[in-house]
Amino acid sequence: MKITSVTVRKIDKENSRMKGIASVLIDDCFAVHDIRIIDGDNGLFIAMPSKPTPAGGHRDVAHPIDRETRKMFEDAIFEEYNKAE
């Protein structure tokens, strides 16, 4: 699996921890949209697309299964985030 494209839209909203939204294209044939870039207590992190649950929480609708894949997503998204204006 290879990430073939990343697009990032920075968000500059006062008092918001969300700093951007990313879309990732995998192997030029599968897209994951609405990956949130969040400014957490320990720096930036990504939050995968999710939907609300009846219990009031959220459930990821797409997510990496292992640490290596999550790191691949983070590295690609943060690289593009740092380039975006």
N, C-alpha and C. Protein backbone atom coordinates (compact mmCIF):
# COMPACT_ATOMS: atom_id res chain seq x y z
N MET A 1 0.85 -1.17 0.00
CA MET A 1 0.00 0.00 0.00
C MET A 1 0.89 1.23 0.00
N LYS A 2 0.49 2.21 -0.82
CA LYS A 2 1.27 3.44 -0.92
C LYS A 2 0.31 4.63 -0.96
N ILE A 3 0.63 5.67 -0.19
CA ILE A 3 -0.13 6.90 -0.28
C ILE A 3 0.37 7.65 -1.50
N THR A 4 -0.53 7.89 -2.44
CA THR A 4 -0.12 8.50 -3.70
C THR A 4 -0.47 9.97 -3.80
N SER A 5 -1.34 10.46 -2.91
CA SER A 5 -1.69 11.88 -2.94
C SER A 5 -2.29 12.28 -1.60
N VAL A 6 -1.96 13.51 -1.16
CA VAL A 6 -2.54 14.07 0.05
C VAL A 6 -2.91 15.51 -0.23
N THR A 7 -4.12 15.90 0.15
CA THR A 7 -4.51 17.31 0.08
C THR A 7 -4.92 17.74 1.48
N VAL A 8 -4.52 18.97 1.82
CA VAL A 8 -4.82 19.51 3.14
C VAL A 8 -5.43 20.89 2.98
N ARG A 9 -6.49 21.13 3.73
CA ARG A 9 -7.09 22.46 3.80
C ARG A 9 -6.92 22.93 5.23
N LYS A 10 -6.09 23.96 5.42
CA LYS A 10 -5.88 24.50 6.77
C LYS A 10 -7.12 25.25 7.22
N ILE A 11 -7.36 25.20 8.53
CA ILE A 11 -8.50 25.90 9.13
C ILE A 11 -7.95 26.80 10.21
N ASP A 12 -8.30 28.08 10.14
CA ASP A 12 -7.84 29.04 11.13
C ASP A 12 -9.06 29.63 11.81
N LYS A 13 -9.59 28.91 12.78
CA LYS A 13 -10.78 29.34 13.49
C LYS A 13 -10.40 29.60 14.95
N GLU A 14 -10.73 30.78 15.44
CA GLU A 14 -10.37 31.16 16.80
C GLU A 14 -10.94 30.18 17.82
N ASN A 15 -10.11 29.83 18.80
CA ASN A 15 -10.48 28.93 19.90
C ASN A 15 -10.82 27.51 19.45
N SER A 16 -10.33 27.11 18.28
CA SER A 16 -10.58 25.76 17.79
C SER A 16 -9.27 24.99 17.76
N ARG A 17 -9.33 23.75 18.22
CA ARG A 17 -8.14 22.89 18.16
C ARG A 17 -7.98 22.25 16.79
N MET A 18 -9.04 22.25 15.97
CA MET A 18 -8.93 21.68 14.64
C MET A 18 -8.17 22.64 13.75
N LYS A 19 -7.08 22.16 13.18
CA LYS A 19 -6.19 23.00 12.38
C LYS A 19 -6.26 22.71 10.88
N GLY A 20 -6.94 21.63 10.51
CA GLY A 20 -7.05 21.32 9.09
C GLY A 20 -7.85 20.06 8.85
N ILE A 21 -8.15 19.86 7.56
CA ILE A 21 -8.85 18.67 7.08
C ILE A 21 -8.02 18.10 5.93
N ALA A 22 -7.80 16.79 5.96
CA ALA A 22 -6.98 16.15 4.93
C ALA A 22 -7.78 15.08 4.18
N SER A 23 -7.38 14.87 2.94
CA SER A 23 -7.86 13.75 2.14
C SER A 23 -6.63 13.00 1.65
N VAL A 24 -6.71 11.67 1.67
CA VAL A 24 -5.59 10.82 1.28
C VAL A 24 -6.04 9.88 0.18
N LEU A 25 -5.23 9.77 -0.86
CA LEU A 25 -5.48 8.82 -1.95
C LEU A 25 -4.47 7.68 -1.81
N ILE A 26 -4.97 6.46 -1.78
CA ILE A 26 -4.14 5.28 -1.60
C ILE A 26 -4.08 4.51 -2.92
N ASP A 27 -2.86 4.23 -3.36
CA ASP A 27 -2.63 3.45 -4.59
C ASP A 27 -3.40 3.98 -5.79
N ASP A 28 -3.63 5.28 -5.84
CA ASP A 28 -4.36 5.93 -6.93
C ASP A 28 -5.75 5.33 -7.16
N CYS A 29 -6.31 4.65 -6.13
CA CYS A 29 -7.61 4.02 -6.38
C CYS A 29 -8.55 4.01 -5.18
N PHE A 30 -8.11 4.51 -4.01
CA PHE A 30 -9.00 4.50 -2.85
C PHE A 30 -8.76 5.79 -2.06
N ALA A 31 -9.85 6.54 -1.80
CA ALA A 31 -9.73 7.83 -1.12
C ALA A 31 -10.32 7.77 0.28
N VAL A 32 -9.66 8.46 1.21
CA VAL A 32 -10.17 8.65 2.56
C VAL A 32 -10.24 10.16 2.78
N HIS A 33 -11.45 10.67 3.01
CA HIS A 33 -11.68 12.10 3.19
C HIS A 33 -11.97 12.40 4.66
N ASP A 34 -11.95 13.68 4.98
CA ASP A 34 -12.36 14.18 6.30
C ASP A 34 -11.49 13.68 7.45
N ILE A 35 -10.19 13.57 7.21
CA ILE A 35 -9.24 13.27 8.29
C ILE A 35 -8.92 14.61 8.94
N ARG A 36 -9.24 14.73 10.22
CA ARG A 36 -9.05 15.99 10.92
C ARG A 36 -7.64 16.10 11.49
N ILE A 37 -7.06 17.29 11.40
CA ILE A 37 -5.76 17.58 12.00
C ILE A 37 -6.05 18.40 13.24
N ILE A 38 -5.69 17.85 14.39
CA ILE A 38 -6.04 18.44 15.68
C ILE A 38 -4.77 18.86 16.43
N ASP A 39 -4.83 20.03 17.07
CA ASP A 39 -3.74 20.50 17.91
C ASP A 39 -4.03 20.05 19.34
N GLY A 40 -3.43 18.95 19.74
CA GLY A 40 -3.66 18.38 21.06
C GLY A 40 -2.68 18.91 22.09
N ASP A 41 -2.80 18.44 23.29
CA ASP A 41 -1.92 18.86 24.38
C ASP A 41 -0.45 18.52 24.12
N ASN A 42 -0.20 17.47 23.33
CA ASN A 42 1.17 17.04 23.03
C ASN A 42 1.54 17.29 21.58
N GLY A 43 0.88 18.23 20.91
CA GLY A 43 1.18 18.54 19.51
C GLY A 43 0.09 18.05 18.58
N LEU A 44 0.38 18.14 17.29
CA LEU A 44 -0.60 17.75 16.28
C LEU A 44 -0.82 16.25 16.25
N PHE A 45 -2.06 15.86 15.97
CA PHE A 45 -2.38 14.46 15.71
C PHE A 45 -3.52 14.42 14.70
N ILE A 46 -3.73 13.25 14.10
CA ILE A 46 -4.82 13.10 13.15
C ILE A 46 -5.95 12.32 13.80
N ALA A 47 -7.17 12.68 13.41
CA ALA A 47 -8.37 11.97 13.83
C ALA A 47 -9.07 11.48 12.57
N MET A 48 -9.23 10.19 12.48
CA MET A 48 -9.81 9.59 11.29
C MET A 48 -11.30 9.91 11.20
N PRO A 49 -11.89 9.79 10.00
CA PRO A 49 -13.31 10.09 9.83
C PRO A 49 -14.15 9.22 10.78
N SER A 50 -15.16 9.84 11.37
CA SER A 50 -15.99 9.11 12.32
C SER A 50 -17.44 9.55 12.20
N LYS A 51 -18.30 8.77 12.84
CA LYS A 51 -19.72 9.13 12.88
C LYS A 51 -20.20 8.97 14.31
N PRO A 52 -21.23 9.72 14.69
CA PRO A 52 -21.75 9.61 16.06
C PRO A 52 -22.42 8.25 16.29
N THR A 53 -22.34 7.80 17.53
CA THR A 53 -23.01 6.56 17.91
C THR A 53 -24.24 6.91 18.75
N PRO A 54 -25.21 6.02 18.84
CA PRO A 54 -26.40 6.29 19.66
C PRO A 54 -26.06 6.57 21.12
N ALA A 55 -24.94 6.03 21.60
CA ALA A 55 -24.55 6.21 23.01
C ALA A 55 -23.93 7.58 23.26
N GLY A 56 -23.76 8.38 22.21
CA GLY A 56 -23.20 9.72 22.38
C GLY A 56 -21.73 9.83 22.08
N GLY A 57 -21.07 8.74 21.75
CA GLY A 57 -19.65 8.77 21.39
C GLY A 57 -19.47 8.88 19.88
N HIS A 58 -18.31 8.50 19.41
CA HIS A 58 -18.02 8.48 17.98
C HIS A 58 -17.32 7.17 17.63
N ARG A 59 -17.52 6.73 16.40
CA ARG A 59 -16.91 5.49 15.92
C ARG A 59 -16.22 5.79 14.59
N ASP A 60 -14.92 5.43 14.50
CA ASP A 60 -14.19 5.63 13.24
C ASP A 60 -14.85 4.80 12.14
N VAL A 61 -14.98 5.41 10.96
CA VAL A 61 -15.53 4.68 9.81
C VAL A 61 -14.42 4.13 8.93
N ALA A 62 -13.22 4.66 9.09
CA ALA A 62 -12.03 4.16 8.40
C ALA A 62 -10.85 4.49 9.28
N HIS A 63 -9.93 3.53 9.43
CA HIS A 63 -8.77 3.80 10.28
C HIS A 63 -7.67 2.79 10.01
N PRO A 64 -6.41 3.19 10.27
CA PRO A 64 -5.29 2.25 10.15
C PRO A 64 -5.41 1.18 11.24
N ILE A 65 -4.97 -0.02 10.92
CA ILE A 65 -5.05 -1.14 11.84
C ILE A 65 -3.79 -1.25 12.71
N ASP A 66 -2.64 -0.83 12.16
CA ASP A 66 -1.41 -0.97 12.93
C ASP A 66 -0.65 0.36 13.01
N ARG A 67 0.33 0.41 13.89
CA ARG A 67 1.10 1.64 14.13
C ARG A 67 1.86 2.10 12.90
N GLU A 68 2.41 1.16 12.14
CA GLU A 68 3.18 1.53 10.96
C GLU A 68 2.32 2.25 9.93
N THR A 69 1.10 1.78 9.73
CA THR A 69 0.20 2.41 8.77
C THR A 69 -0.26 3.77 9.28
N ARG A 70 -0.55 3.87 10.58
CA ARG A 70 -0.93 5.17 11.16
C ARG A 70 0.22 6.16 10.98
N LYS A 71 1.44 5.73 11.22
CA LYS A 71 2.60 6.62 11.07
C LYS A 71 2.75 7.07 9.62
N MET A 72 2.50 6.16 8.68
CA MET A 72 2.57 6.51 7.27
C MET A 72 1.55 7.62 6.95
N PHE A 73 0.34 7.50 7.47
CA PHE A 73 -0.68 8.53 7.27
C PHE A 73 -0.25 9.84 7.92
N GLU A 74 0.20 9.77 9.17
CA GLU A 74 0.62 10.98 9.89
C GLU A 74 1.74 11.69 9.16
N ASP A 75 2.77 10.95 8.77
CA ASP A 75 3.92 11.56 8.09
C ASP A 75 3.50 12.26 6.80
N ALA A 76 2.69 11.59 6.00
CA ALA A 76 2.25 12.17 4.72
C ALA A 76 1.36 13.39 4.94
N ILE A 77 0.44 13.31 5.89
CA ILE A 77 -0.48 14.42 6.16
C ILE A 77 0.25 15.61 6.76
N PHE A 78 1.13 15.37 7.74
CA PHE A 78 1.86 16.48 8.36
C PHE A 78 2.83 17.14 7.39
N GLU A 79 3.42 16.36 6.50
CA GLU A 79 4.30 16.95 5.47
C GLU A 79 3.51 17.92 4.59
N GLU A 80 2.34 17.50 4.16
CA GLU A 80 1.50 18.36 3.31
C GLU A 80 0.95 19.55 4.12
N TYR A 81 0.60 19.32 5.38
CA TYR A 81 0.10 20.38 6.25
C TYR A 81 1.15 21.48 6.38
N ASN A 82 2.41 21.10 6.56
CA ASN A 82 3.48 22.08 6.72
C ASN A 82 3.74 22.87 5.43
N LYS A 83 3.38 22.32 4.29
CA LYS A 83 3.53 23.01 3.00
C LYS A 83 2.35 23.95 2.71
N ALA A 84 1.18 23.60 3.24
CA ALA A 84 -0.05 24.35 2.93
C ALA A 84 0.00 25.75 3.52
N GLU A 85 -0.70 26.64 2.86
CA GLU A 85 -0.75 28.04 3.34
C GLU A 85 -2.04 28.31 4.07
